[in-house]
Amino acid sequence: FLHVDECIAVAEAMDIIGDTQYNVSRNLKM
């Protein structure tokens, strides 16, 4: 988020990080 000047959807973050929806959503929520 600091280096890519874009909003990122949860689905995109899942593919980027390579993790489950539960984990990515929880991490973004934190």
Full PDB file with SEQRES, HELIX, SHEET, SSBOND, CRYST1, ORIGX, SCALE, CONECT and MASTER records, all heavy atoms in Angstrom:
SEQRES   1 A   30  PHE LEU HIS VAL ASP GLU CYS ILE ALA VAL ALA GLU ALA          
SEQRES   2 A   30  MET ASP ILE ILE GLY ASP THR GLN TYR ASN VAL SER ARG          
SEQRES   3 A   30  ASN LEU LYS MET                                              
HELIX    1 AA1 VAL A   10  ILE A   17  1                                   8    
HELIX    2 AA2 GLN A   21  LYS A   29  1                                   9    
CRYST1    1.000    1.000    1.000  90.00  90.00  90.00 P 1           1          
ORIGX1      1.000000  0.000000  0.000000        0.00000                         
ORIGX2      0.000000  1.000000  0.000000        0.00000                         
ORIGX3      0.000000  0.000000  1.000000        0.00000                         
SCALE1      1.000000  0.000000  0.000000        0.00000                         
SCALE2      0.000000  1.000000  0.000000        0.00000                         
SCALE3      0.000000  0.000000  1.000000        0.00000                         
ATOM      1  N   PHE A   1       0.824  -1.209   0.000  1.00  0.00           N  
ATOM      2  CA  PHE A   1       0.000   0.000   0.000  1.00  0.00           C  
ATOM      3  C   PHE A   1       0.860   1.262   0.000  1.00  0.00           C  
ATOM      4  O   PHE A   1       0.481   2.273  -0.576  1.00  0.00           O  
ATOM      5  CB  PHE A   1      -0.962   0.019   1.198  1.00  0.00           C  
ATOM      6  CG  PHE A   1      -2.152  -0.868   1.015  1.00  0.00           C  
ATOM      7  CD1 PHE A   1      -2.208  -2.103   1.624  1.00  0.00           C  
ATOM      8  CD2 PHE A   1      -3.208  -0.478   0.209  1.00  0.00           C  
ATOM      9  CE1 PHE A   1      -3.301  -2.933   1.451  1.00  0.00           C  
ATOM     10  CE2 PHE A   1      -4.304  -1.297   0.020  1.00  0.00           C  
ATOM     11  CZ  PHE A   1      -4.351  -2.532   0.646  1.00  0.00           C  
ATOM     12  N   LEU A   2       2.018   1.186   0.614  1.00  0.00           N  
ATOM     13  CA  LEU A   2       2.921   2.332   0.638  1.00  0.00           C  
ATOM     14  C   LEU A   2       3.609   2.566  -0.704  1.00  0.00           C  
ATOM     15  O   LEU A   2       4.006   3.679  -1.007  1.00  0.00           O  
ATOM     16  CB  LEU A   2       3.993   2.144   1.720  1.00  0.00           C  
ATOM     17  CG  LEU A   2       3.496   2.224   3.150  1.00  0.00           C  
ATOM     18  CD1 LEU A   2       4.584   1.774   4.112  1.00  0.00           C  
ATOM     19  CD2 LEU A   2       3.033   3.631   3.487  1.00  0.00           C  
ATOM     20  N   HIS A   3       3.768   1.524  -1.504  1.00  0.00           N  
ATOM     21  CA  HIS A   3       4.543   1.619  -2.739  1.00  0.00           C  
ATOM     22  C   HIS A   3       3.736   1.484  -4.018  1.00  0.00           C  
ATOM     23  O   HIS A   3       4.252   1.802  -5.090  1.00  0.00           O  
ATOM     24  CB  HIS A   3       5.677   0.590  -2.715  1.00  0.00           C  
ATOM     25  CG  HIS A   3       6.688   0.893  -1.664  1.00  0.00           C  
ATOM     26  ND1 HIS A   3       7.727   1.771  -1.864  1.00  0.00           N  
ATOM     27  CD2 HIS A   3       6.790   0.482  -0.382  1.00  0.00           C  
ATOM     28  CE1 HIS A   3       8.432   1.875  -0.755  1.00  0.00           C  
ATOM     29  NE2 HIS A   3       7.879   1.105   0.160  1.00  0.00           N  
ATOM     30  N   VAL A   4       2.526   1.003  -3.929  1.00  0.00           N  
ATOM     31  CA  VAL A   4       1.656   0.872  -5.097  1.00  0.00           C  
ATOM     32  C   VAL A   4       0.477   1.814  -4.851  1.00  0.00           C  
ATOM     33  O   VAL A   4      -0.325   1.569  -3.968  1.00  0.00           O  
ATOM     34  CB  VAL A   4       1.162  -0.585  -5.271  1.00  0.00           C  
ATOM     35  CG1 VAL A   4       0.208  -0.697  -6.439  1.00  0.00           C  
ATOM     36  CG2 VAL A   4       2.342  -1.520  -5.454  1.00  0.00           C  
ATOM     37  N   ASP A   5       0.415   2.854  -5.603  1.00  0.00           N  
ATOM     38  CA  ASP A   5      -0.597   3.893  -5.380  1.00  0.00           C  
ATOM     39  C   ASP A   5      -1.940   3.457  -5.960  1.00  0.00           C  
ATOM     40  O   ASP A   5      -2.423   4.033  -6.930  1.00  0.00           O  
ATOM     41  CB  ASP A   5      -0.128   5.213  -6.005  1.00  0.00           C  
ATOM     42  CG  ASP A   5      -1.000   6.375  -5.596  1.00  0.00           C  
ATOM     43  OD1 ASP A   5      -1.646   6.291  -4.540  1.00  0.00           O  
ATOM     44  OD2 ASP A   5      -1.054   7.366  -6.346  1.00  0.00           O  
ATOM     45  N   GLU A   6      -2.517   2.423  -5.373  1.00  0.00           N  
ATOM     46  CA  GLU A   6      -3.776   1.860  -5.839  1.00  0.00           C  
ATOM     47  C   GLU A   6      -4.583   1.373  -4.644  1.00  0.00           C  
ATOM     48  O   GLU A   6      -4.030   0.968  -3.627  1.00  0.00           O  
ATOM     49  CB  GLU A   6      -3.533   0.641  -6.750  1.00  0.00           C  
ATOM     50  CG  GLU A   6      -2.855   0.930  -8.048  1.00  0.00           C  
ATOM     51  CD  GLU A   6      -3.787   1.502  -9.106  1.00  0.00           C  
ATOM     52  OE1 GLU A   6      -5.025   1.409  -8.946  1.00  0.00           O  
ATOM     53  OE2 GLU A   6      -3.261   2.045 -10.087  1.00  0.00           O  
ATOM     54  N   CYS A   7      -5.910   1.357  -4.821  1.00  0.00           N  
ATOM     55  CA  CYS A   7      -6.730   0.626  -3.873  1.00  0.00           C  
ATOM     56  C   CYS A   7      -6.609  -0.844  -4.269  1.00  0.00           C  
ATOM     57  O   CYS A   7      -6.347  -1.164  -5.430  1.00  0.00           O  
ATOM     58  CB  CYS A   7      -8.176   1.105  -3.914  1.00  0.00           C  
ATOM     59  SG  CYS A   7      -8.989   0.911  -5.507  1.00  0.00           S  
ATOM     60  N   ILE A   8      -6.740  -1.720  -3.316  1.00  0.00           N  
ATOM     61  CA  ILE A   8      -6.589  -3.144  -3.576  1.00  0.00           C  
ATOM     62  C   ILE A   8      -7.789  -3.872  -2.982  1.00  0.00           C  
ATOM     63  O   ILE A   8      -8.114  -3.692  -1.808  1.00  0.00           O  
ATOM     64  CB  ILE A   8      -5.270  -3.692  -2.990  1.00  0.00           C  
ATOM     65  CG1 ILE A   8      -4.068  -2.994  -3.643  1.00  0.00           C  
ATOM     66  CG2 ILE A   8      -5.177  -5.208  -3.166  1.00  0.00           C  
ATOM     67  CD1 ILE A   8      -2.724  -3.384  -3.060  1.00  0.00           C  
ATOM     68  N   ALA A   9      -8.439  -4.696  -3.830  1.00  0.00           N  
ATOM     69  CA  ALA A   9      -9.577  -5.490  -3.380  1.00  0.00           C  
ATOM     70  C   ALA A   9      -9.083  -6.717  -2.625  1.00  0.00           C  
ATOM     71  O   ALA A   9      -7.958  -7.183  -2.838  1.00  0.00           O  
ATOM     72  CB  ALA A   9     -10.415  -5.929  -4.577  1.00  0.00           C  
ATOM     73  N   VAL A  10      -9.930  -7.248  -1.763  1.00  0.00           N  
ATOM     74  CA  VAL A  10      -9.579  -8.439  -1.001  1.00  0.00           C  
ATOM     75  C   VAL A  10      -9.191  -9.578  -1.953  1.00  0.00           C  
ATOM     76  O   VAL A  10      -8.194 -10.260  -1.738  1.00  0.00           O  
ATOM     77  CB  VAL A  10     -10.730  -8.866  -0.066  1.00  0.00           C  
ATOM     78  CG1 VAL A  10     -10.428 -10.196   0.606  1.00  0.00           C  
ATOM     79  CG2 VAL A  10     -10.986  -7.788   0.982  1.00  0.00           C  
ATOM     80  N   ALA A  11      -9.961  -9.766  -3.030  1.00  0.00           N  
ATOM     81  CA  ALA A  11      -9.669 -10.836  -3.994  1.00  0.00           C  
ATOM     82  C   ALA A  11      -8.288 -10.655  -4.616  1.00  0.00           C  
ATOM     83  O   ALA A  11      -7.551 -11.629  -4.804  1.00  0.00           O  
ATOM     84  CB  ALA A  11     -10.738 -10.870  -5.093  1.00  0.00           C  
ATOM     85  N   GLU A  12      -7.931  -9.418  -4.909  1.00  0.00           N  
ATOM     86  CA  GLU A  12      -6.604  -9.142  -5.466  1.00  0.00           C  
ATOM     87  C   GLU A  12      -5.522  -9.444  -4.438  1.00  0.00           C  
ATOM     88  O   GLU A  12      -4.499 -10.055  -4.758  1.00  0.00           O  
ATOM     89  CB  GLU A  12      -6.520  -7.689  -5.930  1.00  0.00           C  
ATOM     90  CG  GLU A  12      -7.415  -7.398  -7.115  1.00  0.00           C  
ATOM     91  CD  GLU A  12      -7.548  -5.919  -7.420  1.00  0.00           C  
ATOM     92  OE1 GLU A  12      -7.552  -5.083  -6.494  1.00  0.00           O  
ATOM     93  OE2 GLU A  12      -7.666  -5.604  -8.618  1.00  0.00           O  
ATOM     94  N   ALA A  13      -5.746  -9.024  -3.203  1.00  0.00           N  
ATOM     95  CA  ALA A  13      -4.772  -9.262  -2.135  1.00  0.00           C  
ATOM     96  C   ALA A  13      -4.569 -10.761  -1.905  1.00  0.00           C  
ATOM     97  O   ALA A  13      -3.453 -11.204  -1.642  1.00  0.00           O  
ATOM     98  CB  ALA A  13      -5.211  -8.574  -0.851  1.00  0.00           C  
ATOM     99  N   MET A  14      -5.644 -11.545  -2.050  1.00  0.00           N  
ATOM    100  CA  MET A  14      -5.530 -12.995  -1.891  1.00  0.00           C  
ATOM    101  C   MET A  14      -4.560 -13.572  -2.915  1.00  0.00           C  
ATOM    102  O   MET A  14      -3.695 -14.379  -2.577  1.00  0.00           O  
ATOM    103  CB  MET A  14      -6.903 -13.656  -2.057  1.00  0.00           C  
ATOM    104  CG  MET A  14      -7.850 -13.388  -0.914  1.00  0.00           C  
ATOM    105  SD  MET A  14      -9.536 -13.929  -1.285  1.00  0.00           S  
ATOM    106  CE  MET A  14      -9.295 -15.667  -1.596  1.00  0.00           C  
ATOM    107  N   ASP A  15      -4.704 -13.151  -4.164  1.00  0.00           N  
ATOM    108  CA  ASP A  15      -3.812 -13.650  -5.212  1.00  0.00           C  
ATOM    109  C   ASP A  15      -2.390 -13.130  -5.043  1.00  0.00           C  
ATOM    110  O   ASP A  15      -1.430 -13.853  -5.278  1.00  0.00           O  
ATOM    111  CB  ASP A  15      -4.344 -13.256  -6.595  1.00  0.00           C  
ATOM    112  CG  ASP A  15      -5.559 -14.078  -7.015  1.00  0.00           C  
ATOM    113  OD1 ASP A  15      -5.790 -15.155  -6.431  1.00  0.00           O  
ATOM    114  OD2 ASP A  15      -6.266 -13.637  -7.933  1.00  0.00           O  
ATOM    115  N   ILE A  16      -2.265 -11.896  -4.625  1.00  0.00           N  
ATOM    116  CA  ILE A  16      -0.939 -11.290  -4.457  1.00  0.00           C  
ATOM    117  C   ILE A  16      -0.161 -12.005  -3.354  1.00  0.00           C  
ATOM    118  O   ILE A  16       0.997 -12.380  -3.532  1.00  0.00           O  
ATOM    119  CB  ILE A  16      -1.066  -9.780  -4.143  1.00  0.00           C  
ATOM    120  CG1 ILE A  16      -1.621  -9.038  -5.368  1.00  0.00           C  
ATOM    121  CG2 ILE A  16       0.272  -9.206  -3.705  1.00  0.00           C  
ATOM    122  CD1 ILE A  16      -2.128  -7.638  -5.054  1.00  0.00           C  
ATOM    123  N   ILE A  17      -0.799 -12.209  -2.224  1.00  0.00           N  
ATOM    124  CA  ILE A  17      -0.145 -12.827  -1.068  1.00  0.00           C  
ATOM    125  C   ILE A  17      -0.146 -14.348  -1.180  1.00  0.00           C  
ATOM    126  O   ILE A  17       0.726 -15.020  -0.656  1.00  0.00           O  
ATOM    127  CB  ILE A  17      -0.824 -12.373   0.250  1.00  0.00           C  
ATOM    128  CG1 ILE A  17      -0.675 -10.868   0.428  1.00  0.00           C  
ATOM    129  CG2 ILE A  17      -0.283 -13.106   1.465  1.00  0.00           C  
ATOM    130  CD1 ILE A  17       0.754 -10.379   0.547  1.00  0.00           C  
ATOM    131  N   GLY A  18      -1.153 -14.893  -1.892  1.00  0.00           N  
ATOM    132  CA  GLY A  18      -1.245 -16.343  -2.024  1.00  0.00           C  
ATOM    133  C   GLY A  18      -1.791 -17.005  -0.777  1.00  0.00           C  
ATOM    134  O   GLY A  18      -1.315 -18.061  -0.365  1.00  0.00           O  
ATOM    135  N   ASP A  19      -2.789 -16.369  -0.175  1.00  0.00           N  
ATOM    136  CA  ASP A  19      -3.360 -16.888   1.063  1.00  0.00           C  
ATOM    137  C   ASP A  19      -4.878 -16.967   0.926  1.00  0.00           C  
ATOM    138  O   ASP A  19      -5.462 -16.469  -0.028  1.00  0.00           O  
ATOM    139  CB  ASP A  19      -2.965 -15.988   2.239  1.00  0.00           C  
ATOM    140  CG  ASP A  19      -2.925 -16.719   3.579  1.00  0.00           C  
ATOM    141  OD1 ASP A  19      -3.401 -17.874   3.660  1.00  0.00           O  
ATOM    142  OD2 ASP A  19      -2.426 -16.131   4.556  1.00  0.00           O  
ATOM    143  N   THR A  20      -5.524 -17.563   1.909  1.00  0.00           N  
ATOM    144  CA  THR A  20      -6.969 -17.775   1.888  1.00  0.00           C  
ATOM    145  C   THR A  20      -7.734 -16.471   2.111  1.00  0.00           C  
ATOM    146  O   THR A  20      -7.184 -15.499   2.655  1.00  0.00           O  
ATOM    147  CB  THR A  20      -7.398 -18.768   2.978  1.00  0.00           C  
ATOM    148  OG1 THR A  20      -7.116 -18.172   4.258  1.00  0.00           O  
ATOM    149  CG2 THR A  20      -6.675 -20.093   2.829  1.00  0.00           C  
ATOM    150  N   GLN A  21      -8.992 -16.487   1.745  1.00  0.00           N  
ATOM    151  CA  GLN A  21      -9.863 -15.322   1.943  1.00  0.00           C  
ATOM    152  C   GLN A  21      -9.959 -14.980   3.429  1.00  0.00           C  
ATOM    153  O   GLN A  21      -9.878 -13.820   3.811  1.00  0.00           O  
ATOM    154  CB  GLN A  21     -11.255 -15.603   1.348  1.00  0.00           C  
ATOM    155  CG  GLN A  21     -12.171 -14.395   1.306  1.00  0.00           C  
ATOM    156  CD  GLN A  21     -13.000 -14.219   2.557  1.00  0.00           C  
ATOM    157  OE1 GLN A  21     -13.347 -15.177   3.242  1.00  0.00           O  
ATOM    158  NE2 GLN A  21     -13.311 -12.984   2.865  1.00  0.00           N  
ATOM    159  N   TYR A  22     -10.087 -15.991   4.257  1.00  0.00           N  
ATOM    160  CA  TYR A  22     -10.186 -15.765   5.698  1.00  0.00           C  
ATOM    161  C   TYR A  22      -8.949 -15.039   6.224  1.00  0.00           C  
ATOM    162  O   TYR A  22      -9.062 -14.031   6.926  1.00  0.00           O  
ATOM    163  CB  TYR A  22     -10.374 -17.105   6.436  1.00  0.00           C  
ATOM    164  CG  TYR A  22     -10.351 -16.951   7.932  1.00  0.00           C  
ATOM    165  CD1 TYR A  22     -11.487 -16.546   8.615  1.00  0.00           C  
ATOM    166  CD2 TYR A  22      -9.183 -17.181   8.655  1.00  0.00           C  
ATOM    167  CE1 TYR A  22     -11.467 -16.381  10.000  1.00  0.00           C  
ATOM    168  CE2 TYR A  22      -9.153 -17.027  10.036  1.00  0.00           C  
ATOM    169  CZ  TYR A  22     -10.294 -16.623  10.699  1.00  0.00           C  
ATOM    170  OH  TYR A  22     -10.275 -16.439  12.065  1.00  0.00           O  
ATOM    171  N   ASN A  23      -7.768 -15.544   5.896  1.00  0.00           N  
ATOM    172  CA  ASN A  23      -6.527 -14.945   6.402  1.00  0.00           C  
ATOM    173  C   ASN A  23      -6.299 -13.545   5.857  1.00  0.00           C  
ATOM    174  O   ASN A  23      -5.923 -12.632   6.604  1.00  0.00           O  
ATOM    175  CB  ASN A  23      -5.328 -15.830   6.083  1.00  0.00           C  
ATOM    176  CG  ASN A  23      -5.280 -17.078   6.925  1.00  0.00           C  
ATOM    177  OD1 ASN A  23      -5.876 -17.141   7.998  1.00  0.00           O  
ATOM    178  ND2 ASN A  23      -4.582 -18.089   6.441  1.00  0.00           N  
ATOM    179  N   VAL A  24      -6.512 -13.357   4.554  1.00  0.00           N  
ATOM    180  CA  VAL A  24      -6.290 -12.035   3.952  1.00  0.00           C  
ATOM    181  C   VAL A  24      -7.288 -11.028   4.512  1.00  0.00           C  
ATOM    182  O   VAL A  24      -6.916  -9.912   4.887  1.00  0.00           O  
ATOM    183  CB  VAL A  24      -6.349 -12.109   2.412  1.00  0.00           C  
ATOM    184  CG1 VAL A  24      -6.351 -10.720   1.797  1.00  0.00           C  
ATOM    185  CG2 VAL A  24      -5.169 -12.916   1.889  1.00  0.00           C  
ATOM    186  N   SER A  25      -8.558 -11.409   4.600  1.00  0.00           N  
ATOM    187  CA  SER A  25      -9.564 -10.495   5.162  1.00  0.00           C  
ATOM    188  C   SER A  25      -9.228 -10.131   6.595  1.00  0.00           C  
ATOM    189  O   SER A  25      -9.333  -8.970   6.999  1.00  0.00           O  
ATOM    190  CB  SER A  25     -10.958 -11.124   5.098  1.00  0.00           C  
ATOM    191  OG  SER A  25     -11.391 -11.199   3.773  1.00  0.00           O  
ATOM    192  N   ARG A  26      -8.822 -11.122   7.373  1.00  0.00           N  
ATOM    193  CA  ARG A  26      -8.456 -10.870   8.772  1.00  0.00           C  
ATOM    194  C   ARG A  26      -7.249  -9.938   8.861  1.00  0.00           C  
ATOM    195  O   ARG A  26      -7.226  -9.006   9.667  1.00  0.00           O  
ATOM    196  CB  ARG A  26      -8.155 -12.204   9.469  1.00  0.00           C  
ATOM    197  CG  ARG A  26      -8.007 -12.049  10.976  1.00  0.00           C  
ATOM    198  CD  ARG A  26      -7.567 -13.326  11.627  1.00  0.00           C  
ATOM    199  NE  ARG A  26      -6.159 -13.479  11.283  1.00  0.00           N  
ATOM    200  CZ  ARG A  26      -5.549 -14.622  11.095  1.00  0.00           C  
ATOM    201  NH1 ARG A  26      -6.186 -15.744  11.221  1.00  0.00           N  
ATOM    202  NH2 ARG A  26      -4.274 -14.670  10.792  1.00  0.00           N  
ATOM    203  N   ASN A  27      -6.245 -10.167   7.998  1.00  0.00           N  
ATOM    204  CA  ASN A  27      -5.051  -9.314   8.020  1.00  0.00           C  
ATOM    205  C   ASN A  27      -5.375  -7.887   7.607  1.00  0.00           C  
ATOM    206  O   ASN A  27      -4.909  -6.933   8.247  1.00  0.00           O  
ATOM    207  CB  ASN A  27      -3.967  -9.906   7.120  1.00  0.00           C  
ATOM    208  CG  ASN A  27      -3.309 -11.113   7.741  1.00  0.00           C  
ATOM    209  OD1 ASN A  27      -3.296 -11.273   8.957  1.00  0.00           O  
ATOM    210  ND2 ASN A  27      -2.764 -11.979   6.907  1.00  0.00           N  
ATOM    211  N   LEU A  28      -6.162  -7.719   6.565  1.00  0.00           N  
ATOM    212  CA  LEU A  28      -6.549  -6.366   6.141  1.00  0.00           C  
ATOM    213  C   LEU A  28      -7.395  -5.682   7.206  1.00  0.00           C  
ATOM    214  O   LEU A  28      -7.233  -4.484   7.465  1.00  0.00           O  
ATOM    215  CB  LEU A  28      -7.289  -6.419   4.805  1.00  0.00           C  
ATOM    216  CG  LEU A  28      -6.428  -6.773   3.590  1.00  0.00           C  
ATOM    217  CD1 LEU A  28      -7.300  -7.097   2.382  1.00  0.00           C  
ATOM    218  CD2 LEU A  28      -5.454  -5.651   3.273  1.00  0.00           C  
ATOM    219  N   LYS A  29      -8.274  -6.434   7.830  1.00  0.00           N  
ATOM    220  CA  LYS A  29      -9.117  -5.874   8.894  1.00  0.00           C  
ATOM    221  C   LYS A  29      -8.269  -5.420  10.081  1.00  0.00           C  
ATOM    222  O   LYS A  29      -8.534  -4.371  10.678  1.00  0.00           O  
ATOM    223  CB  LYS A  29     -10.148  -6.906   9.339  1.00  0.00           C  
ATOM    224  CG  LYS A  29     -11.202  -6.362  10.249  1.00  0.00           C  
ATOM    225  CD  LYS A  29     -12.260  -7.430  10.517  1.00  0.00           C  
ATOM    226  CE  LYS A  29     -13.421  -6.844  11.284  1.00  0.00           C  
ATOM    227  NZ  LYS A  29     -14.479  -7.836  11.482  1.00  0.00           N  
ATOM    228  N   MET A  30      -7.227  -6.179  10.413  1.00  0.00           N  
ATOM    229  CA  MET A  30      -6.337  -5.771  11.505  1.00  0.00           C  
ATOM    230  C   MET A  30      -5.602  -4.477  11.172  1.00  0.00           C  
ATOM    231  O   MET A  30      -5.451  -3.601  12.025  1.00  0.00           O  
ATOM    232  CB  MET A  30      -5.346  -6.882  11.840  1.00  0.00           C  
ATOM    233  CG  MET A  30      -5.971  -8.021  12.610  1.00  0.00           C  
ATOM    234  SD  MET A  30      -4.748  -9.221  13.146  1.00  0.00           S  
ATOM    235  CE  MET A  30      -4.007  -8.351  14.530  1.00  0.00           C  
TER     236      MET A  30                                                      
MASTER        0    0    0    2    0    0    0    6  235    1    0    3          
END                                                                             
